[in-house]
C-alpha atoms as a PDB file:
ATOM      1  CA  MET A   1      70.903 -42.255 -19.067  1.00  0.00           C
ATOM      2  CA  THR A   2      72.854 -40.697 -14.836  1.00  0.00           C
ATOM      3  CA  VAL A   3      71.628 -40.541 -11.860  1.00  0.00           C
ATOM      4  CA  PRO A   4      69.293 -37.399 -11.135  1.00  0.00           C
ATOM      5  CA  THR A   5      71.549 -35.687  -8.030  1.00  0.00           C
ATOM      6  CA  THR A   6      68.168 -35.636  -6.212  1.00  0.00           C
ATOM      7  CA  LEU A   7      69.234 -38.750  -4.084  1.00  0.00           C
ATOM      8  CA  PHE A   8      71.840 -36.819  -2.603  1.00  0.00           C
ATOM      9  CA  SER A   9      70.820 -36.375   0.656  1.00  0.00           C
ATOM     10  CA  TRP A  10      71.707 -33.833   3.757  1.00  0.00           C
ATOM     11  CA  PRO A  11      70.369 -35.320   6.625  1.00  0.00           C
ATOM     12  CA  LEU A  12      71.654 -38.272   5.574  1.00  0.00           C
ATOM     13  CA  LEU A  13      75.266 -37.243   4.967  1.00  0.00           C
ATOM     14  CA  ILE A  14      75.527 -34.910   8.646  1.00  0.00           C
ATOM     15  CA  VAL A  15      73.898 -38.091  10.509  1.00  0.00           C
ATOM     16  CA  SER A  16      76.065 -40.877   8.931  1.00  0.00           C
ATOM     17  CA  SER A  17      79.425 -38.057   9.735  1.00  0.00           C
ATOM     18  CA  GLY A  18      77.733 -37.981  13.477  1.00  0.00           C
ATOM     19  CA  LEU A  19      78.282 -41.911  13.968  1.00  0.00           C
ATOM     20  CA  ILE A  20      81.308 -41.561  12.729  1.00  0.00           C
ATOM     21  CA  GLY A  21      82.330 -39.111  14.241  1.00  0.00           C
ATOM     22  CA  LEU A  22      80.990 -40.953  17.942  1.00  0.00           C
ATOM     23  CA  GLY A  23      82.246 -44.784  16.666  1.00  0.00           C
ATOM     24  CA  LEU A  24      86.083 -42.573  16.290  1.00  0.00           C
ATOM     25  CA  VAL A  25      85.276 -41.684  20.345  1.00  0.00           C
ATOM     26  CA  THR A  26      84.816 -45.052  21.357  1.00  0.00           C
ATOM     27  CA  TRP A  27      87.302 -46.212  18.754  1.00  0.00           C
ATOM     28  CA  VAL A  28      90.119 -44.336  20.562  1.00  0.00           C
ATOM     29  CA  GLY A  29      89.188 -45.877  23.958  1.00  0.00           C
ATOM     30  CA  LEU A  30      86.998 -42.492  25.550  1.00  0.00           C
ATOM     31  CA  PHE A  31      84.754 -44.110  27.333  1.00  0.00           C
ATOM     32  CA  ARG A  32      86.594 -47.531  28.009  1.00  0.00           C
ATOM     33  CA  PRO A  33      84.375 -48.123  31.677  1.00  0.00           C
ATOM     34  CA  MET A  34      81.300 -47.655  30.139  1.00  0.00           C
ATOM     35  CA  VAL A  35      82.245 -49.324  26.811  1.00  0.00           C
ATOM     36  CA  LEU A  36      83.310 -52.730  28.736  1.00  0.00           C
ATOM     37  CA  ARG A  37      80.150 -52.768  30.376  1.00  0.00           C
ATOM     38  CA  ALA A  38      77.741 -52.929  27.811  1.00  0.00           C
ATOM     39  CA  TRP A  39      75.301 -54.637  26.790  1.00  0.00           C
ATOM     40  CA  PRO A  40      74.851 -56.811  24.826  1.00  0.00           C
ATOM     41  CA  SER A  41      78.131 -57.145  24.271  1.00  0.00           C
ATOM     42  CA  PRO A  42      81.340 -54.276  24.498  1.00  0.00           C
ATOM     43  CA  THR A  43      81.370 -54.266  20.804  1.00  0.00           C
ATOM     44  CA  LEU A  44      78.181 -52.522  20.717  1.00  0.00           C
ATOM     45  CA  HIS A  45      79.380 -49.159  20.881  1.00  0.00           C
ATOM     46  CA  LEU A  46      81.647 -49.423  17.579  1.00  0.00           C
ATOM     47  CA  SER A  47      78.493 -50.288  15.917  1.00  0.00           C
ATOM     48  CA  PRO A  48      77.863 -45.970  14.269  1.00  0.00           C
ATOM     49  CA  LEU A  49      81.352 -46.177  13.395  1.00  0.00           C
ATOM     50  CA  TYR A  50      80.534 -48.923  10.723  1.00  0.00           C
ATOM     51  CA  LEU A  51      76.626 -47.634  10.352  1.00  0.00           C
ATOM     52  CA  GLY A  52      78.330 -44.221   9.693  1.00  0.00           C
ATOM     53  CA  ALA A  53      80.968 -44.935   6.772  1.00  0.00           C
ATOM     54  CA  ALA A  54      77.755 -47.266   4.754  1.00  0.00           C
ATOM     55  CA  GLY A  55      76.080 -44.294   5.569  1.00  0.00           C
ATOM     56  CA  LEU A  56      78.345 -41.973   4.338  1.00  0.00           C
ATOM     57  CA  LEU A  57      79.455 -43.875   1.283  1.00  0.00           C
ATOM     58  CA  THR A  58      75.874 -44.192   0.469  1.00  0.00           C
ATOM     59  CA  SER A  59      74.847 -40.886   0.746  1.00  0.00           C
ATOM     60  CA  LEU A  60      77.501 -39.662  -1.428  1.00  0.00           C
ATOM     61  CA  ALA A  61      77.128 -42.141  -4.040  1.00  0.00           C
ATOM     62  CA  PRO A  62      75.116 -40.270  -6.497  1.00  0.00           C
ATOM     63  CA  LEU A  63      77.658 -37.795  -7.057  1.00  0.00           C
ATOM     64  CA  ALA A  64      80.059 -39.721  -8.235  1.00  0.00           C
ATOM     65  CA  PRO A  65      80.483 -41.069 -11.650  1.00  0.00           C
ATOM     66  CA  ARG A  66      78.354 -44.120 -11.614  1.00  0.00           C
ATOM     67  CA  ALA A  67      80.966 -47.396 -12.005  1.00  0.00           C
ATOM     68  CA  LEU A  68      82.570 -45.597  -9.527  1.00  0.00           C
ATOM     69  CA  GLY A  69      78.739 -44.894  -7.232  1.00  0.00           C
ATOM     70  CA  MET A  70      77.967 -48.818  -7.805  1.00  0.00           C
ATOM     71  CA  VAL A  71      81.148 -49.710  -6.044  1.00  0.00           C
ATOM     72  CA  MET A  72      80.528 -48.028  -3.267  1.00  0.00           C
ATOM     73  CA  LEU A  73      77.362 -48.729  -2.677  1.00  0.00           C
ATOM     74  CA  VAL A  74      78.348 -52.543  -2.391  1.00  0.00           C
ATOM     75  CA  LEU A  75      81.388 -51.175  -0.482  1.00  0.00           C
ATOM     76  CA  ALA A  76      78.184 -49.836   1.785  1.00  0.00           C
ATOM     77  CA  LEU A  77      76.531 -53.261   2.068  1.00  0.00           C
ATOM     78  CA  PRO A  78      78.982 -55.167   4.213  1.00  0.00           C
ATOM     79  CA  LEU A  79      80.057 -51.823   6.238  1.00  0.00           C
ATOM     80  CA  PHE A  80      76.448 -51.868   7.102  1.00  0.00           C
ATOM     81  CA  ALA A  81      76.068 -56.151   8.047  1.00  0.00           C
ATOM     82  CA  LEU A  82      78.891 -55.372  10.234  1.00  0.00           C
ATOM     83  CA  GLY A  83      77.205 -52.006  11.827  1.00  0.00           C
ATOM     84  CA  VAL A  84      73.855 -54.542  13.113  1.00  0.00           C
ATOM     85  CA  LEU A  85      76.955 -57.124  14.089  1.00  0.00           C
ATOM     86  CA  ALA A  86      78.790 -55.162  15.605  1.00  0.00           C
ATOM     87  CA  VAL A  87      75.704 -54.622  18.163  1.00  0.00           C
ATOM     88  CA  VAL A  88      76.767 -58.486  20.070  1.00  0.00           C
ATOM     89  CA  TRP A  89      79.861 -59.528  18.295  1.00  0.00           C
ATOM     90  CA  LEU A  90      82.734 -58.399  16.028  1.00  0.00           C
ATOM     91  CA  PRO A  91      85.856 -60.383  14.872  1.00  0.00           C
ATOM     92  CA  GLY A  92      89.314 -59.071  16.736  1.00  0.00           C
ATOM     93  CA  PRO A  93      90.533 -57.886  13.942  1.00  0.00           C
ATOM     94  CA  LEU A  94      87.584 -55.594  13.813  1.00  0.00           C
ATOM     95  CA  GLN A  95      88.346 -54.180  16.891  1.00  0.00           C
ATOM     96  CA  PRO A  96      90.780 -51.638  18.559  1.00  0.00           C
ATOM     97  CA  ARG A  97      93.824 -53.114  20.295  1.00  0.00           C
ATOM     98  CA  TRP A  98      92.168 -51.830  23.952  1.00  0.00           C
ATOM     99  CA  LEU A  99      89.543 -53.737  23.373  1.00  0.00           C
ATOM    100  CA  ARG A 100      91.005 -57.058  22.465  1.00  0.00           C
ATOM    101  CA  GLU A 101      93.825 -56.551  25.289  1.00  0.00           C
ATOM    102  CA  ALA A 102      90.781 -55.587  28.212  1.00  0.00           C
ATOM    103  CA  PRO A 103      89.797 -58.309  30.477  1.00  0.00           C
ATOM    104  CA  PRO A 104      86.479 -59.624  30.509  1.00  0.00           C
ATOM    105  CA  TRP A 105      84.449 -57.204  33.150  1.00  0.00           C
ATOM    106  CA  LYS A 106      82.656 -58.582  36.015  1.00  0.00           C
ATOM    107  CA  ASP A 107      79.963 -57.496  38.003  1.00  0.00           C
ATOM    108  CA  PRO A 108      80.613 -56.575  41.248  1.00  0.00           C
ATOM    109  CA  TYR A 109      76.748 -57.293  42.792  1.00  0.00           C
ATOM    110  CA  ALA A 110      76.571 -60.102  40.171  1.00  0.00           C
ATOM    111  CA  HIS A 111      75.006 -63.239  42.490  1.00  0.00           C
ATOM    112  CA  PRO A 112      77.951 -66.039  42.209  1.00  0.00           C
END
């Protein structure tokens, strides 16, 4: 039994590629001031990178051989979980070096 290729989704592939691009722009640090001031956490803007990778694996899994497709889907699950977790927190090794080494940002307009 083969998986029908009708499960392949061009829109999911395009959106996932866009999310990966957005996440890579954040990873290289083009918008550091915005990222460091993000609410609820500075890792919020890394979320699209992990969600895009999960979407890319999910969209390409129906085109791969059956065993490889299953491995791709299994790998997509932790990437999706990391994307959701990145909204509030990410472990240090999964953050870019510039974000790990950045001083904590203080709001100049906050009341003491």
